[in-house]
């Protein structure tokens, strides 16, 4: 997911095979950390796709500065 975060940050396609994963992208992707995971919960009437999850990521340097304006959210569903 860290690679997807970096691709999204750069405005590049995240679909498999659409973007060449360069060494620079791989290096930059190592800075991403999961900040929050939100699961679907029918009792709370939260359903992400078909019972999926939301993942919110932040770069370590942004988290250390308290800058949450550059987070990336990825959804996964079944």
PDB file of N, CA and C in Angstrom:
ATOM      1  N   UNK A   1       0.805  -1.187   0.000  1.00  0.00           N
ATOM      2  CA  UNK A   1       0.000   0.000   0.000  1.00  0.00           C
ATOM      3  C   UNK A   1       0.854   1.258   0.000  1.00  0.00           C
ATOM      4  N   UNK A   2       2.068   1.156   0.524  1.00  0.00           N
ATOM      5  CA  UNK A   2       2.941   2.330   0.570  1.00  0.00           C
ATOM      6  C   UNK A   2       3.282   2.821  -0.835  1.00  0.00           C
ATOM      7  N   UNK A   3       3.482   1.900  -1.763  1.00  0.00           N
ATOM      8  CA  UNK A   3       3.742   2.291  -3.158  1.00  0.00           C
ATOM      9  C   UNK A   3       2.536   3.040  -3.707  1.00  0.00           C
ATOM     10  N   UNK A   4       1.335   2.542  -3.445  1.00  0.00           N
ATOM     11  CA  UNK A   4       0.121   3.218  -3.911  1.00  0.00           C
ATOM     12  C   UNK A   4       0.025   4.623  -3.319  1.00  0.00           C
ATOM     13  N   UNK A   5       0.383   4.780  -2.058  1.00  0.00           N
ATOM     14  CA  UNK A   5       0.359   6.102  -1.430  1.00  0.00           C
ATOM     15  C   UNK A   5       1.280   7.067  -2.162  1.00  0.00           C
ATOM     16  N   UNK A   6       2.471   6.613  -2.460  1.00  0.00           N
ATOM     17  CA  UNK A   6       3.434   7.480  -3.134  1.00  0.00           C
ATOM     18  C   UNK A   6       2.975   7.816  -4.551  1.00  0.00           C
ATOM     19  N   UNK A   7       2.406   6.840  -5.247  1.00  0.00           N
ATOM     20  CA  UNK A   7       1.885   7.112  -6.586  1.00  0.00           C
ATOM     21  C   UNK A   7       0.761   8.137  -6.528  1.00  0.00           C
ATOM     22  N   UNK A   8      -0.128   8.006  -5.555  1.00  0.00           N
ATOM     23  CA  UNK A   8      -1.225   8.957  -5.403  1.00  0.00           C
ATOM     24  C   UNK A   8      -0.688  10.351  -5.093  1.00  0.00           C
ATOM     25  N   UNK A   9       0.307  10.430  -4.226  1.00  0.00           N
ATOM     26  CA  UNK A   9       0.904  11.723  -3.878  1.00  0.00           C
ATOM     27  C   UNK A   9       1.469  12.408  -5.107  1.00  0.00           C
ATOM     28  N   UNK A  10       2.026  11.618  -6.019  1.00  0.00           N
ATOM     29  CA  UNK A  10       2.623  12.165  -7.241  1.00  0.00           C
ATOM     30  C   UNK A  10       1.610  12.358  -8.365  1.00  0.00           C
ATOM     31  N   UNK A  11       0.370  11.967  -8.128  1.00  0.00           N
ATOM     32  CA  UNK A  11      -0.657  12.116  -9.156  1.00  0.00           C
ATOM     33  C   UNK A  11      -0.532  11.110 -10.288  1.00  0.00           C
ATOM     34  N   UNK A  12       0.071   9.957 -10.002  1.00  0.00           N
ATOM     35  CA  UNK A  12       0.278   8.919 -11.011  1.00  0.00           C
ATOM     36  C   UNK A  12      -0.785   7.828 -10.881  1.00  0.00           C
ATOM     37  N   UNK A  13      -1.062   7.107 -11.978  1.00  0.00           N
ATOM     38  CA  UNK A  13      -2.030   5.998 -11.913  1.00  0.00           C
ATOM     39  C   UNK A  13      -1.573   4.931 -10.928  1.00  0.00           C
ATOM     40  N   UNK A  14      -2.518   4.383 -10.188  1.00  0.00           N
ATOM     41  CA  UNK A  14      -2.191   3.365  -9.182  1.00  0.00           C
ATOM     42  C   UNK A  14      -2.566   1.959  -9.621  1.00  0.00           C
ATOM     43  N   UNK A  15      -3.192   1.831 -10.779  1.00  0.00           N
ATOM     44  CA  UNK A  15      -3.568   0.504 -11.270  1.00  0.00           C
ATOM     45  C   UNK A  15      -2.315  -0.295 -11.614  1.00  0.00           C
ATOM     46  N   UNK A  16      -2.358  -1.592 -11.324  1.00  0.00           N
ATOM     47  CA  UNK A  16      -1.213  -2.466 -11.558  1.00  0.00           C
ATOM     48  C   UNK A  16      -0.756  -2.380 -13.012  1.00  0.00           C
ATOM     49  N   UNK A  17       0.526  -2.135 -13.212  1.00  0.00           N
ATOM     50  CA  UNK A  17       1.121  -2.134 -14.539  1.00  0.00           C
ATOM     51  C   UNK A  17       1.017  -0.817 -15.294  1.00  0.00           C
ATOM     52  N   UNK A  18       0.289   0.168 -14.764  1.00  0.00           N
ATOM     53  CA  UNK A  18       0.128   1.435 -15.478  1.00  0.00           C
ATOM     54  C   UNK A  18       1.282   2.398 -15.251  1.00  0.00           C
ATOM     55  N   UNK A  19       1.989   2.257 -14.141  1.00  0.00           N
ATOM     56  CA  UNK A  19       3.079   3.165 -13.807  1.00  0.00           C
ATOM     57  C   UNK A  19       4.327   2.357 -13.490  1.00  0.00           C
ATOM     58  N   UNK A  20       5.444   2.777 -14.070  1.00  0.00           N
ATOM     59  CA  UNK A  20       6.716   2.126 -13.754  1.00  0.00           C
ATOM     60  C   UNK A  20       7.129   2.519 -12.337  1.00  0.00           C
ATOM     61  N   UNK A  21       7.453   1.520 -11.537  1.00  0.00           N
ATOM     62  CA  UNK A  21       7.885   1.763 -10.156  1.00  0.00           C
ATOM     63  C   UNK A  21       9.404   1.949 -10.184  1.00  0.00           C
ATOM     64  N   UNK A  22       9.819   3.191 -10.131  1.00  0.00           N
ATOM     65  CA  UNK A  22      11.239   3.525 -10.191  1.00  0.00           C
ATOM     66  C   UNK A  22      11.873   3.384  -8.807  1.00  0.00           C
ATOM     67  N   UNK A  23      13.203   3.327  -8.751  1.00  0.00           N
ATOM     68  CA  UNK A  23      13.866   3.292  -7.438  1.00  0.00           C
ATOM     69  C   UNK A  23      13.507   4.503  -6.572  1.00  0.00           C
ATOM     70  N   UNK A  24      13.311   5.665  -7.177  1.00  0.00           N
ATOM     71  CA  UNK A  24      12.943   6.860  -6.409  1.00  0.00           C
ATOM     72  C   UNK A  24      11.566   6.695  -5.759  1.00  0.00           C
ATOM     73  N   UNK A  25      10.636   6.104  -6.489  1.00  0.00           N
ATOM     74  CA  UNK A  25       9.305   5.860  -5.923  1.00  0.00           C
ATOM     75  C   UNK A  25       9.393   4.848  -4.793  1.00  0.00           C
ATOM     76  N   UNK A  26      10.183   3.800  -4.987  1.00  0.00           N
ATOM     77  CA  UNK A  26      10.346   2.790  -3.928  1.00  0.00           C
ATOM     78  C   UNK A  26      10.950   3.404  -2.672  1.00  0.00           C
ATOM     79  N   UNK A  27      11.974   4.241  -2.843  1.00  0.00           N
ATOM     80  CA  UNK A  27      12.605   4.887  -1.673  1.00  0.00           C
ATOM     81  C   UNK A  27      11.604   5.785  -0.951  1.00  0.00           C
ATOM     82  N   UNK A  28      10.881   6.597  -1.713  1.00  0.00           N
ATOM     83  CA  UNK A  28       9.925   7.524  -1.105  1.00  0.00           C
ATOM     84  C   UNK A  28       8.782   6.781  -0.414  1.00  0.00           C
ATOM     85  N   UNK A  29       8.419   5.626  -0.936  1.00  0.00           N
ATOM     86  CA  UNK A  29       7.301   4.872  -0.355  1.00  0.00           C
ATOM     87  C   UNK A  29       7.613   4.368   1.051  1.00  0.00           C
ATOM     88  N   UNK A  30       8.863   4.258   1.395  1.00  0.00           N
ATOM     89  CA  UNK A  30       9.248   3.758   2.713  1.00  0.00           C
ATOM     90  C   UNK A  30       8.923   4.748   3.835  1.00  0.00           C
ATOM     91  N   UNK A  31       8.567   5.981   3.481  1.00  0.00           N
ATOM     92  CA  UNK A  31       8.224   7.004   4.472  1.00  0.00           C
ATOM     93  C   UNK A  31       6.769   6.948   4.920  1.00  0.00           C
ATOM     94  N   UNK A  32       5.939   6.162   4.209  1.00  0.00           N
ATOM     95  CA  UNK A  32       4.509   6.131   4.530  1.00  0.00           C
ATOM     96  C   UNK A  32       4.220   5.214   5.711  1.00  0.00           C
ATOM     97  N   UNK A  33       3.354   5.685   6.613  1.00  0.00           N
ATOM     98  CA  UNK A  33       2.938   4.926   7.793  1.00  0.00           C
ATOM     99  C   UNK A  33       1.415   4.917   7.865  1.00  0.00           C
ATOM    100  N   UNK A  34       0.854   3.795   8.303  1.00  0.00           N
ATOM    101  CA  UNK A  34      -0.587   3.751   8.490  1.00  0.00           C
ATOM    102  C   UNK A  34      -0.945   4.570   9.729  1.00  0.00           C
ATOM    103  N   UNK A  35      -1.873   5.474   9.542  1.00  0.00           N
ATOM    104  CA  UNK A  35      -2.326   6.344  10.619  1.00  0.00           C
ATOM    105  C   UNK A  35      -3.615   5.817  11.232  1.00  0.00           C
ATOM    106  N   UNK A  36      -4.490   5.279  10.381  1.00  0.00           N
ATOM    107  CA  UNK A  36      -5.817   4.893  10.839  1.00  0.00           C
ATOM    108  C   UNK A  36      -6.387   3.823   9.923  1.00  0.00           C
ATOM    109  N   UNK A  37      -7.069   2.853  10.515  1.00  0.00           N
ATOM    110  CA  UNK A  37      -7.802   1.828   9.755  1.00  0.00           C
ATOM    111  C   UNK A  37      -9.233   1.838  10.254  1.00  0.00           C
ATOM    112  N   UNK A  38     -10.185   1.964   9.320  1.00  0.00           N
ATOM    113  CA  UNK A  38     -11.600   1.992   9.683  1.00  0.00           C
ATOM    114  C   UNK A  38     -12.291   0.824   8.994  1.00  0.00           C
ATOM    115  N   UNK A  39     -12.798  -0.104   9.786  1.00  0.00           N
ATOM    116  CA  UNK A  39     -13.488  -1.268   9.245  1.00  0.00           C
ATOM    117  C   UNK A  39     -14.964  -0.954   9.031  1.00  0.00           C
ATOM    118  N   UNK A  40     -15.579  -1.672   8.121  1.00  0.00           N
ATOM    119  CA  UNK A  40     -17.030  -1.617   7.984  1.00  0.00           C
ATOM    120  C   UNK A  40     -17.651  -2.181   9.258  1.00  0.00           C
ATOM    121  N   UNK A  41     -18.789  -1.616   9.642  1.00  0.00           N
ATOM    122  CA  UNK A  41     -19.489  -2.082  10.828  1.00  0.00           C
ATOM    123  C   UNK A  41     -20.979  -1.876  10.608  1.00  0.00           C
ATOM    124  N   UNK A  42     -21.704  -2.956  10.317  1.00  0.00           N
ATOM    125  CA  UNK A  42     -23.132  -2.826  10.042  1.00  0.00           C
ATOM    126  C   UNK A  42     -23.922  -2.207  11.197  1.00  0.00           C
ATOM    127  N   UNK A  43     -23.514  -2.466  12.431  1.00  0.00           N
ATOM    128  CA  UNK A  43     -24.232  -1.906  13.584  1.00  0.00           C
ATOM    129  C   UNK A  43     -24.121  -0.385  13.634  1.00  0.00           C
ATOM    130  N   UNK A  44     -23.025   0.148  13.117  1.00  0.00           N
ATOM    131  CA  UNK A  44     -22.835   1.596  13.070  1.00  0.00           C
ATOM    132  C   UNK A  44     -23.271   2.184  11.728  1.00  0.00           C
ATOM    133  N   UNK A  45     -23.780   1.309  10.856  1.00  0.00           N
ATOM    134  CA  UNK A  45     -24.219   1.707   9.513  1.00  0.00           C
ATOM    135  C   UNK A  45     -23.078   2.314   8.705  1.00  0.00           C
ATOM    136  N   UNK A  46     -21.886   1.724   8.862  1.00  0.00           N
ATOM    137  CA  UNK A  46     -20.720   2.113   8.063  1.00  0.00           C
ATOM    138  C   UNK A  46     -20.362   0.918   7.194  1.00  0.00           C
ATOM    139  N   UNK A  47     -20.412   1.108   5.896  1.00  0.00           N
ATOM    140  CA  UNK A  47     -20.079   0.020   4.981  1.00  0.00           C
ATOM    141  C   UNK A  47     -19.248   0.592   3.838  1.00  0.00           C
ATOM    142  N   UNK A  48     -18.016   0.216   3.773  1.00  0.00           N
ATOM    143  CA  UNK A  48     -17.087   0.689   2.747  1.00  0.00           C
ATOM    144  C   UNK A  48     -17.057  -0.344   1.626  1.00  0.00           C
ATOM    145  N   UNK A  49     -17.753  -0.049   0.556  1.00  0.00           N
ATOM    146  CA  UNK A  49     -17.834  -1.004  -0.544  1.00  0.00           C
ATOM    147  C   UNK A  49     -18.695  -2.174  -0.120  1.00  0.00           C
ATOM    148  N   UNK A  50     -18.133  -3.365  -0.129  1.00  0.00           N
ATOM    149  CA  UNK A  50     -18.845  -4.585   0.245  1.00  0.00           C
ATOM    150  C   UNK A  50     -18.211  -5.163   1.511  1.00  0.00           C
ATOM    151  N   UNK A  51     -18.303  -4.413   2.598  1.00  0.00           N
ATOM    152  CA  UNK A  51     -17.720  -4.878   3.856  1.00  0.00           C
ATOM    153  C   UNK A  51     -16.221  -4.660   3.929  1.00  0.00           C
ATOM    154  N   UNK A  52     -15.733  -3.612   3.286  1.00  0.00           N
ATOM    155  CA  UNK A  52     -14.295  -3.374   3.222  1.00  0.00           C
ATOM    156  C   UNK A  52     -13.767  -2.495   4.341  1.00  0.00           C
ATOM    157  N   UNK A  53     -12.609  -1.888   4.056  1.00  0.00           N
ATOM    158  CA  UNK A  53     -11.934  -1.049   5.039  1.00  0.00           C
ATOM    159  C   UNK A  53     -11.400   0.206   4.371  1.00  0.00           C
ATOM    160  N   UNK A  54     -11.226   1.243   5.176  1.00  0.00           N
ATOM    161  CA  UNK A  54     -10.525   2.445   4.760  1.00  0.00           C
ATOM    162  C   UNK A  54      -9.196   2.481   5.510  1.00  0.00           C
ATOM    163  N   UNK A  55      -8.146   2.839   4.796  1.00  0.00           N
ATOM    164  CA  UNK A  55      -6.828   2.974   5.393  1.00  0.00           C
ATOM    165  C   UNK A  55      -6.346   4.395   5.140  1.00  0.00           C
ATOM    166  N   UNK A  56      -5.927   5.084   6.187  1.00  0.00           N
ATOM    167  CA  UNK A  56      -5.395   6.433   6.061  1.00  0.00           C
ATOM    168  C   UNK A  56      -3.904   6.364   6.371  1.00  0.00           C
ATOM    169  N   UNK A  57      -3.105   6.892   5.447  1.00  0.00           N
ATOM    170  CA  UNK A  57      -1.650   6.879   5.578  1.00  0.00           C
ATOM    171  C   UNK A  57      -1.108   8.298   5.641  1.00  0.00           C
ATOM    172  N   UNK A  58       0.051   8.430   6.270  1.00  0.00           N
ATOM    173  CA  UNK A  58       0.739   9.714   6.353  1.00  0.00           C
ATOM    174  C   UNK A  58       2.240   9.447   6.237  1.00  0.00           C
ATOM    175  N   UNK A  59       2.948  10.401   5.651  1.00  0.00           N
ATOM    176  CA  UNK A  59       4.410  10.271   5.624  1.00  0.00           C
ATOM    177  C   UNK A  59       4.950  10.579   7.019  1.00  0.00           C
ATOM    178  N   UNK A  60       5.975   9.873   7.393  1.00  0.00           N
ATOM    179  CA  UNK A  60       6.534  10.027   8.736  1.00  0.00           C
ATOM    180  C   UNK A  60       6.926  11.469   9.022  1.00  0.00           C
ATOM    181  N   UNK A  61       7.555  12.131   8.056  1.00  0.00           N
ATOM    182  CA  UNK A  61       7.998  13.507   8.296  1.00  0.00           C
ATOM    183  C   UNK A  61       6.816  14.446   8.511  1.00  0.00           C
ATOM    184  N   UNK A  62       5.700  14.205   7.821  1.00  0.00           N
ATOM    185  CA  UNK A  62       4.510  15.032   8.020  1.00  0.00           C
ATOM    186  C   UNK A  62       3.903  14.776   9.400  1.00  0.00           C
ATOM    187  N   UNK A  63       3.874  13.521   9.821  1.00  0.00           N
ATOM    188  CA  UNK A  63       3.333  13.188  11.143  1.00  0.00           C
ATOM    189  C   UNK A  63       4.158  13.848  12.248  1.00  0.00           C
ATOM    190  N   UNK A  64       5.469  13.827  12.090  1.00  0.00           N
ATOM    191  CA  UNK A  64       6.335  14.435  13.102  1.00  0.00           C
ATOM    192  C   UNK A  64       6.119  15.940  13.209  1.00  0.00           C
ATOM    193  N   UNK A  65       5.741  16.575  12.097  1.00  0.00           N
ATOM    194  CA  UNK A  65       5.454  18.017  12.100  1.00  0.00           C
ATOM    195  C   UNK A  65       4.017  18.308  12.530  1.00  0.00           C
ATOM    196  N   UNK A  66       3.191  17.261  12.651  1.00  0.00           N
ATOM    197  CA  UNK A  66       1.783  17.463  12.970  1.00  0.00           C
ATOM    198  C   UNK A  66       0.979  17.959  11.777  1.00  0.00           C
ATOM    199  N   UNK A  67       1.486  17.738  10.563  1.00  0.00           N
ATOM    200  CA  UNK A  67       0.825  18.180   9.330  1.00  0.00           C
ATOM    201  C   UNK A  67      -0.002  17.029   8.763  1.00  0.00           C
ATOM    202  N   UNK A  68      -1.301  17.079   8.985  1.00  0.00           N
ATOM    203  CA  UNK A  68      -2.185  16.021   8.517  1.00  0.00           C
ATOM    204  C   UNK A  68      -2.884  16.396   7.208  1.00  0.00           C
ATOM    205  N   UNK A  69      -2.409  17.422   6.551  1.00  0.00           N
ATOM    206  CA  UNK A  69      -3.031  17.888   5.307  1.00  0.00           C
ATOM    207  C   UNK A  69      -2.628  17.060   4.095  1.00  0.00           C
ATOM    208  N   UNK A  70      -1.629  16.224   4.234  1.00  0.00           N
ATOM    209  CA  UNK A  70      -1.128  15.452   3.097  1.00  0.00           C
ATOM    210  C   UNK A  70      -1.377  13.950   3.237  1.00  0.00           C
ATOM    211  N   UNK A  71      -2.405  13.569   3.986  1.00  0.00           N
ATOM    212  CA  UNK A  71      -2.699  12.147   4.152  1.00  0.00           C
ATOM    213  C   UNK A  71      -3.277  11.571   2.864  1.00  0.00           C
ATOM    214  N   UNK A  72      -3.198  10.263   2.745  1.00  0.00           N
ATOM    215  CA  UNK A  72      -3.749   9.527   1.605  1.00  0.00           C
ATOM    216  C   UNK A  72      -4.677   8.454   2.160  1.00  0.00           C
ATOM    217  N   UNK A  73      -5.844   8.309   1.552  1.00  0.00           N
ATOM    218  CA  UNK A  73      -6.811   7.296   1.977  1.00  0.00           C
ATOM    219  C   UNK A  73      -6.995   6.262   0.867  1.00  0.00           C
ATOM    220  N   UNK A  74      -6.906   4.995   1.240  1.00  0.00           N
ATOM    221  CA  UNK A  74      -7.090   3.886   0.314  1.00  0.00           C
ATOM    222  C   UNK A  74      -8.259   3.056   0.821  1.00  0.00           C
ATOM    223  N   UNK A  75      -9.144   2.684  -0.080  1.00  0.00           N
ATOM    224  CA  UNK A  75     -10.250   1.794   0.315  1.00  0.00           C
ATOM    225  C   UNK A  75     -10.033   0.430  -0.306  1.00  0.00           C
ATOM    226  N   UNK A  76     -10.396  -0.586   0.437  1.00  0.00           N
ATOM    227  CA  UNK A  76     -10.366  -1.962  -0.057  1.00  0.00           C
ATOM    228  C   UNK A  76     -11.679  -2.606   0.316  1.00  0.00           C
ATOM    229  N   UNK A  77     -12.259  -3.308  -0.642  1.00  0.00           N
ATOM    230  CA  UNK A  77     -13.486  -4.041  -0.355  1.00  0.00           C
ATOM    231  C   UNK A  77     -13.390  -5.428  -0.964  1.00  0.00           C
ATOM    232  N   UNK A  78     -14.317  -6.257  -0.575  1.00  0.00           N
ATOM    233  CA  UNK A  78     -14.292  -7.661  -1.003  1.00  0.00           C
ATOM    234  C   UNK A  78     -14.954  -7.832  -2.340  1.00  0.00           C
TER     235      UNK A  78
END
